[in-house]
Amino acid sequence: MFRRGTSGHYFNHIWFNFPKGPEFRDAETKALLDSGALEIRSSMFFNNDASATNFPPAQASGDIDESLYIDTAHADQINVDPGLVADAMSKTAPNFKPPPSDGFFDVTATFIGAVGDDDWTLGWTAYPQN
């Protein structure tokens, strides 16, 4: 949920398996969306909010239509399976190796996602269960 004047530039993310899709709330946040101070680009959205749109239902009042800001014009892919391995959702030993190269992400990167063939999280990252 982006609210209370949230800003930032969110590029090359995989938004996957969240109980609610990304939601924009309030006039201050909308002003930042409209000015470009808040943007989501070149990202994939899959299996969020149990809907094909991956966006939450409209709010009763003051709704902001997320599909106006997250769309193919922003190089986003909606309801496209990112091909993550099953271990990506593991709470004790997640595997963040990238999905197959499909040309979607920034071509100047040497790999897709945050972890390439060399898993930099090994040896210093822990996943304790609270």
N, C-alpha and C. Protein backbone atom coordinates (compact mmCIF):
# COMPACT_ATOMS: atom_id res chain seq x y z
N MET A 1 0.84 -1.17 0.00
CA MET A 1 0.00 0.00 0.00
C MET A 1 0.90 1.24 0.00
N PHE A 2 0.64 2.12 -0.93
CA PHE A 2 1.35 3.38 -1.04
C PHE A 2 0.39 4.47 -0.56
N ARG A 3 0.75 5.16 0.52
CA ARG A 3 -0.16 6.16 1.08
C ARG A 3 0.63 7.25 1.80
N ARG A 4 -0.09 8.28 2.19
CA ARG A 4 0.47 9.39 2.96
C ARG A 4 1.68 10.03 2.27
N GLY A 5 1.55 10.21 0.97
CA GLY A 5 2.60 10.89 0.23
C GLY A 5 3.83 10.04 -0.06
N THR A 6 3.63 8.75 -0.26
CA THR A 6 4.75 7.87 -0.60
C THR A 6 5.29 8.26 -1.97
N SER A 7 6.61 8.31 -2.07
CA SER A 7 7.24 8.53 -3.38
C SER A 7 8.34 7.50 -3.55
N GLY A 8 8.91 7.45 -4.72
CA GLY A 8 10.00 6.52 -5.00
C GLY A 8 9.88 5.98 -6.41
N HIS A 9 10.95 5.38 -6.86
CA HIS A 9 11.01 4.81 -8.20
C HIS A 9 11.26 3.31 -8.04
N TYR A 10 10.29 2.50 -8.39
CA TYR A 10 10.34 1.05 -8.21
C TYR A 10 10.45 0.41 -9.60
N PHE A 11 11.65 -0.02 -9.96
CA PHE A 11 11.90 -0.57 -11.28
C PHE A 11 12.35 -2.02 -11.14
N ASN A 12 11.99 -2.82 -12.14
CA ASN A 12 12.46 -4.21 -12.25
C ASN A 12 12.14 -5.06 -11.03
N HIS A 13 10.92 -4.95 -10.55
CA HIS A 13 10.47 -5.77 -9.42
C HIS A 13 9.58 -6.90 -9.92
N ILE A 14 9.52 -7.94 -9.12
CA ILE A 14 8.53 -8.99 -9.34
C ILE A 14 7.58 -8.92 -8.15
N TRP A 15 6.34 -8.58 -8.41
CA TRP A 15 5.29 -8.50 -7.39
C TRP A 15 4.51 -9.80 -7.51
N PHE A 16 4.75 -10.71 -6.57
CA PHE A 16 4.28 -12.08 -6.73
C PHE A 16 3.69 -12.63 -5.44
N ASN A 17 2.47 -13.18 -5.56
CA ASN A 17 1.87 -13.97 -4.50
C ASN A 17 1.50 -13.16 -3.25
N PHE A 18 1.19 -11.88 -3.42
CA PHE A 18 0.75 -11.07 -2.29
C PHE A 18 -0.77 -11.22 -2.13
N PRO A 19 -1.28 -11.19 -0.90
CA PRO A 19 -2.73 -11.31 -0.71
C PRO A 19 -3.49 -10.12 -1.29
N LYS A 20 -2.84 -8.98 -1.41
CA LYS A 20 -3.44 -7.80 -2.04
C LYS A 20 -2.44 -7.25 -3.04
N GLY A 21 -2.93 -6.82 -4.18
CA GLY A 21 -2.06 -6.20 -5.17
C GLY A 21 -1.69 -4.79 -4.73
N PRO A 22 -0.79 -4.13 -5.45
CA PRO A 22 -0.38 -2.78 -5.07
C PRO A 22 -1.56 -1.82 -5.07
N GLU A 23 -1.63 -1.00 -4.05
CA GLU A 23 -2.74 -0.07 -3.92
C GLU A 23 -2.21 1.33 -3.63
N PHE A 24 -2.73 2.32 -4.36
CA PHE A 24 -2.41 3.72 -4.13
C PHE A 24 -3.57 4.36 -3.39
N ARG A 25 -3.25 5.13 -2.34
CA ARG A 25 -4.29 5.78 -1.56
C ARG A 25 -3.96 7.24 -1.30
N ASP A 26 -4.89 8.05 -1.25
CA ASP A 26 -4.94 9.45 -0.84
C ASP A 26 -4.44 10.43 -1.91
N ALA A 27 -4.92 11.65 -1.78
CA ALA A 27 -4.66 12.71 -2.77
C ALA A 27 -3.17 13.06 -2.85
N GLU A 28 -2.48 13.05 -1.72
CA GLU A 28 -1.05 13.39 -1.73
C GLU A 28 -0.25 12.36 -2.54
N THR A 29 -0.56 11.10 -2.38
CA THR A 29 0.12 10.06 -3.14
C THR A 29 -0.22 10.16 -4.62
N LYS A 30 -1.47 10.44 -4.95
CA LYS A 30 -1.87 10.61 -6.35
C LYS A 30 -1.12 11.76 -6.99
N ALA A 31 -0.94 12.85 -6.27
CA ALA A 31 -0.18 13.99 -6.81
C ALA A 31 1.25 13.58 -7.14
N LEU A 32 1.85 12.72 -6.31
CA LEU A 32 3.20 12.26 -6.58
C LEU A 32 3.24 11.30 -7.76
N LEU A 33 2.20 10.47 -7.91
CA LEU A 33 2.09 9.62 -9.10
C LEU A 33 2.02 10.48 -10.36
N ASP A 34 1.17 11.50 -10.32
CA ASP A 34 0.97 12.36 -11.48
C ASP A 34 2.22 13.17 -11.83
N SER A 35 3.04 13.49 -10.83
CA SER A 35 4.25 14.28 -11.08
C SER A 35 5.43 13.41 -11.48
N GLY A 36 5.31 12.08 -11.32
CA GLY A 36 6.42 11.18 -11.63
C GLY A 36 7.34 10.92 -10.44
N ALA A 37 7.03 11.50 -9.29
CA ALA A 37 7.85 11.27 -8.10
C ALA A 37 7.60 9.89 -7.49
N LEU A 38 6.50 9.26 -7.88
CA LEU A 38 6.21 7.87 -7.53
C LEU A 38 5.92 7.14 -8.83
N GLU A 39 6.69 6.10 -9.09
CA GLU A 39 6.46 5.34 -10.32
C GLU A 39 6.91 3.90 -10.15
N ILE A 40 6.21 3.03 -10.86
CA ILE A 40 6.55 1.61 -10.93
C ILE A 40 6.72 1.30 -12.40
N ARG A 41 7.89 0.77 -12.76
CA ARG A 41 8.18 0.51 -14.17
C ARG A 41 8.92 -0.82 -14.33
N SER A 42 8.77 -1.38 -15.52
CA SER A 42 9.50 -2.58 -15.92
C SER A 42 9.40 -3.68 -14.87
N SER A 43 8.20 -3.90 -14.37
CA SER A 43 7.97 -4.89 -13.33
C SER A 43 6.93 -5.92 -13.77
N MET A 44 6.91 -7.04 -13.07
CA MET A 44 5.96 -8.11 -13.35
C MET A 44 5.02 -8.27 -12.17
N PHE A 45 3.76 -8.53 -12.47
CA PHE A 45 2.72 -8.70 -11.45
C PHE A 45 2.02 -10.02 -11.71
N PHE A 46 2.08 -10.93 -10.72
CA PHE A 46 1.48 -12.25 -10.92
C PHE A 46 0.96 -12.81 -9.61
N ASN A 47 -0.25 -13.35 -9.66
CA ASN A 47 -0.87 -14.06 -8.54
C ASN A 47 -1.05 -13.17 -7.31
N ASN A 48 -1.41 -11.92 -7.54
CA ASN A 48 -1.69 -10.99 -6.44
C ASN A 48 -3.19 -10.75 -6.37
N ASP A 49 -3.71 -10.67 -5.20
CA ASP A 49 -5.11 -10.31 -4.96
C ASP A 49 -6.09 -11.30 -5.58
N ALA A 50 -5.62 -12.48 -5.92
CA ALA A 50 -6.50 -13.53 -6.46
C ALA A 50 -7.35 -13.04 -7.63
N SER A 51 -6.79 -12.15 -8.44
CA SER A 51 -7.53 -11.67 -9.61
C SER A 51 -6.59 -11.57 -10.80
N ALA A 52 -7.15 -11.57 -11.98
CA ALA A 52 -6.33 -11.45 -13.19
C ALA A 52 -5.73 -10.06 -13.32
N THR A 53 -6.33 -9.06 -12.66
CA THR A 53 -5.80 -7.71 -12.76
C THR A 53 -4.62 -7.48 -11.83
N ASN A 54 -4.51 -8.26 -10.76
CA ASN A 54 -3.48 -8.13 -9.74
C ASN A 54 -3.60 -6.85 -8.93
N PHE A 55 -4.73 -6.18 -9.03
CA PHE A 55 -4.99 -4.97 -8.27
C PHE A 55 -6.15 -5.19 -7.31
N PRO A 56 -6.15 -4.49 -6.19
CA PRO A 56 -7.26 -4.64 -5.23
C PRO A 56 -8.54 -4.03 -5.79
N PRO A 57 -9.68 -4.41 -5.22
CA PRO A 57 -10.94 -3.80 -5.66
C PRO A 57 -10.96 -2.31 -5.34
N ALA A 58 -11.82 -1.59 -6.04
CA ALA A 58 -11.94 -0.14 -5.84
C ALA A 58 -12.36 0.18 -4.40
N GLN A 59 -11.83 1.27 -3.89
CA GLN A 59 -12.22 1.74 -2.56
C GLN A 59 -13.60 2.40 -2.66
N ALA A 60 -14.30 2.47 -1.55
CA ALA A 60 -15.65 3.05 -1.53
C ALA A 60 -15.64 4.53 -1.92
N SER A 61 -14.59 5.25 -1.54
CA SER A 61 -14.49 6.66 -1.92
C SER A 61 -13.03 7.03 -2.13
N GLY A 62 -12.79 7.98 -3.00
CA GLY A 62 -11.43 8.45 -3.26
C GLY A 62 -10.52 7.43 -3.91
N ASP A 63 -11.07 6.49 -4.65
CA ASP A 63 -10.27 5.44 -5.25
C ASP A 63 -9.30 6.00 -6.30
N ILE A 64 -8.11 5.43 -6.34
CA ILE A 64 -7.13 5.73 -7.38
C ILE A 64 -7.02 4.47 -8.23
N ASP A 65 -7.19 4.60 -9.52
CA ASP A 65 -7.15 3.47 -10.43
C ASP A 65 -5.70 3.08 -10.70
N GLU A 66 -5.24 2.01 -10.06
CA GLU A 66 -3.85 1.58 -10.18
C GLU A 66 -3.47 1.27 -11.63
N SER A 67 -4.42 0.79 -12.42
CA SER A 67 -4.11 0.40 -13.79
C SER A 67 -3.72 1.59 -14.67
N LEU A 68 -3.95 2.82 -14.20
CA LEU A 68 -3.50 4.00 -14.95
C LEU A 68 -2.01 4.26 -14.77
N TYR A 69 -1.42 3.66 -13.73
CA TYR A 69 -0.01 3.91 -13.39
C TYR A 69 0.86 2.67 -13.50
N ILE A 70 0.23 1.52 -13.54
CA ILE A 70 0.95 0.25 -13.69
C ILE A 70 0.36 -0.42 -14.92
N ASP A 71 1.10 -0.37 -16.03
CA ASP A 71 0.56 -0.86 -17.29
C ASP A 71 1.67 -1.05 -18.32
N THR A 72 1.31 -1.50 -19.50
CA THR A 72 2.31 -1.76 -20.54
C THR A 72 3.01 -0.49 -21.00
N ALA A 73 2.37 0.67 -20.85
CA ALA A 73 3.04 1.92 -21.21
C ALA A 73 4.24 2.19 -20.31
N HIS A 74 4.23 1.59 -19.12
CA HIS A 74 5.36 1.70 -18.18
C HIS A 74 6.24 0.45 -18.22
N ALA A 75 6.09 -0.33 -19.29
CA ALA A 75 6.85 -1.58 -19.50
C ALA A 75 6.57 -2.62 -18.42
N ASP A 76 5.38 -2.56 -17.82
CA ASP A 76 4.98 -3.54 -16.82
C ASP A 76 4.27 -4.71 -17.50
N GLN A 77 4.37 -5.87 -16.90
CA GLN A 77 3.66 -7.05 -17.38
C GLN A 77 2.71 -7.51 -16.30
N ILE A 78 1.43 -7.57 -16.65
CA ILE A 78 0.37 -7.92 -15.70
C ILE A 78 -0.06 -9.36 -15.97
N ASN A 79 -0.14 -10.15 -14.90
CA ASN A 79 -0.60 -11.53 -14.96
C ASN A 79 0.28 -12.39 -15.87
N VAL A 80 1.58 -12.14 -15.80
CA VAL A 80 2.55 -12.94 -16.52
C VAL A 80 3.38 -13.69 -15.49
N ASP A 81 3.38 -15.00 -15.59
CA ASP A 81 4.11 -15.83 -14.63
C ASP A 81 5.60 -15.56 -14.75
N PRO A 82 6.26 -15.14 -13.66
CA PRO A 82 7.69 -14.85 -13.73
C PRO A 82 8.56 -16.10 -13.77
N GLY A 83 7.96 -17.27 -13.59
CA GLY A 83 8.71 -18.52 -13.68
C GLY A 83 9.65 -18.76 -12.51
N LEU A 84 9.32 -18.21 -11.35
CA LEU A 84 10.17 -18.43 -10.17
C LEU A 84 10.13 -19.90 -9.77
N VAL A 85 11.23 -20.36 -9.25
CA VAL A 85 11.28 -21.74 -8.76
C VAL A 85 10.48 -21.84 -7.47
N ALA A 86 10.03 -23.03 -7.13
CA ALA A 86 9.19 -23.23 -5.95
C ALA A 86 9.87 -22.76 -4.67
N ASP A 87 11.19 -22.91 -4.59
CA ASP A 87 11.93 -22.51 -3.39
C ASP A 87 11.97 -21.00 -3.17
N ALA A 88 11.52 -20.22 -4.11
CA ALA A 88 11.54 -18.76 -3.94
C ALA A 88 10.66 -18.34 -2.76
N MET A 89 9.66 -19.12 -2.43
CA MET A 89 8.75 -18.78 -1.35
C MET A 89 9.12 -19.45 -0.02
N SER A 90 10.22 -20.16 0.01
CA SER A 90 10.65 -20.82 1.24
C SER A 90 10.99 -19.78 2.30
N LYS A 91 10.49 -20.00 3.52
CA LYS A 91 10.75 -19.07 4.62
C LYS A 91 12.07 -19.36 5.32
N THR A 92 12.65 -20.53 5.09
CA THR A 92 13.89 -20.88 5.77
C THR A 92 15.11 -20.89 4.85
N ALA A 93 14.91 -21.16 3.57
CA ALA A 93 16.03 -21.20 2.64
C ALA A 93 15.56 -20.81 1.24
N PRO A 94 15.17 -19.56 1.06
CA PRO A 94 14.64 -19.16 -0.25
C PRO A 94 15.71 -19.19 -1.34
N ASN A 95 15.27 -19.50 -2.54
CA ASN A 95 16.13 -19.52 -3.71
C ASN A 95 15.68 -18.40 -4.62
N PHE A 96 16.47 -17.34 -4.72
CA PHE A 96 16.10 -16.18 -5.52
C PHE A 96 16.76 -16.15 -6.90
N LYS A 97 17.25 -17.27 -7.34
CA LYS A 97 17.87 -17.29 -8.66
C LYS A 97 16.84 -16.84 -9.69
N PRO A 98 17.28 -16.19 -10.72
CA PRO A 98 16.35 -15.55 -11.66
C PRO A 98 15.55 -16.53 -12.50
N PRO A 99 14.41 -16.05 -12.99
CA PRO A 99 13.66 -16.84 -13.96
C PRO A 99 14.43 -16.88 -15.28
N PRO A 100 14.01 -17.69 -16.22
CA PRO A 100 14.72 -17.77 -17.50
C PRO A 100 14.79 -16.40 -18.17
N SER A 101 15.86 -16.16 -18.87
CA SER A 101 16.02 -14.89 -19.59
C SER A 101 14.99 -14.82 -20.71
N ASP A 102 14.15 -13.79 -20.67
CA ASP A 102 13.13 -13.65 -21.70
C ASP A 102 13.15 -12.27 -22.36
N GLY A 103 14.17 -11.47 -22.07
CA GLY A 103 14.28 -10.16 -22.69
C GLY A 103 13.45 -9.09 -22.04
N PHE A 104 12.75 -9.40 -20.95
CA PHE A 104 11.84 -8.41 -20.34
C PHE A 104 12.59 -7.36 -19.54
N PHE A 105 13.56 -7.76 -18.73
CA PHE A 105 14.23 -6.82 -17.84
C PHE A 105 15.34 -6.04 -18.55
N ASP A 106 15.92 -5.11 -17.85
CA ASP A 106 16.97 -4.22 -18.35
C ASP A 106 18.08 -5.04 -19.01
N VAL A 107 18.29 -4.82 -20.30
CA VAL A 107 19.26 -5.61 -21.04
C VAL A 107 20.70 -5.28 -20.67
N THR A 108 20.95 -4.17 -19.98
CA THR A 108 22.31 -3.84 -19.56
C THR A 108 22.73 -4.60 -18.31
N ALA A 109 21.77 -5.19 -17.60
CA ALA A 109 22.10 -6.00 -16.43
C ALA A 109 22.76 -7.29 -16.89
N THR A 110 23.60 -7.85 -16.04
CA THR A 110 24.25 -9.10 -16.40
C THR A 110 23.39 -10.32 -16.07
N PHE A 111 22.28 -10.10 -15.35
CA PHE A 111 21.34 -11.16 -15.04
C PHE A 111 20.00 -10.53 -14.69
N ILE A 112 18.94 -11.34 -14.65
CA ILE A 112 17.61 -10.87 -14.29
C ILE A 112 17.41 -11.06 -12.80
N GLY A 113 16.90 -10.04 -12.13
CA GLY A 113 16.61 -10.14 -10.71
C GLY A 113 17.77 -9.69 -9.85
N ALA A 114 17.66 -9.94 -8.57
CA ALA A 114 18.66 -9.49 -7.61
C ALA A 114 19.79 -10.48 -7.43
N VAL A 115 19.61 -11.73 -7.85
CA VAL A 115 20.61 -12.77 -7.64
C VAL A 115 20.89 -13.46 -8.96
N GLY A 116 22.15 -13.45 -9.36
CA GLY A 116 22.56 -14.14 -10.58
C GLY A 116 23.04 -15.54 -10.27
N ASP A 117 23.94 -16.06 -11.10
CA ASP A 117 24.49 -17.41 -10.87
C ASP A 117 25.24 -17.48 -9.55
N ASP A 118 25.86 -16.37 -9.14
CA ASP A 118 26.56 -16.31 -7.86
C ASP A 118 25.58 -15.77 -6.81
N ASP A 119 25.09 -16.63 -5.93
CA ASP A 119 24.11 -16.23 -4.91
C ASP A 119 24.81 -15.50 -3.77
N TRP A 120 24.84 -14.19 -3.82
CA TRP A 120 25.53 -13.36 -2.84
C TRP A 120 24.90 -13.40 -1.46
N THR A 121 23.72 -14.00 -1.32
CA THR A 121 23.07 -14.07 0.00
C THR A 121 23.61 -15.22 0.85
N LEU A 122 24.27 -16.19 0.23
CA LEU A 122 24.77 -17.36 0.97
C LEU A 122 25.87 -16.95 1.94
N GLY A 123 25.79 -17.51 3.15
CA GLY A 123 26.83 -17.31 4.13
C GLY A 123 26.63 -16.14 5.08
N TRP A 124 25.74 -15.23 4.77
CA TRP A 124 25.53 -14.11 5.69
C TRP A 124 24.06 -13.74 5.88
N THR A 125 23.17 -14.31 5.10
CA THR A 125 21.75 -14.02 5.23
C THR A 125 21.06 -15.15 5.97
N ALA A 126 20.23 -14.79 6.96
CA ALA A 126 19.49 -15.78 7.74
C ALA A 126 18.00 -15.53 7.57
N TYR A 127 17.22 -16.55 7.72
CA TYR A 127 15.77 -16.45 7.58
C TYR A 127 15.09 -17.00 8.83
N PRO A 128 15.28 -16.34 9.98
CA PRO A 128 14.69 -16.85 11.22
C PRO A 128 13.17 -16.74 11.18
N GLN A 129 12.53 -17.68 11.82
CA GLN A 129 11.06 -17.68 11.90
C GLN A 129 10.65 -17.05 13.24
N ASN A 130 9.80 -16.03 13.17
CA ASN A 130 9.35 -15.37 14.40
C ASN A 130 8.17 -16.09 14.98
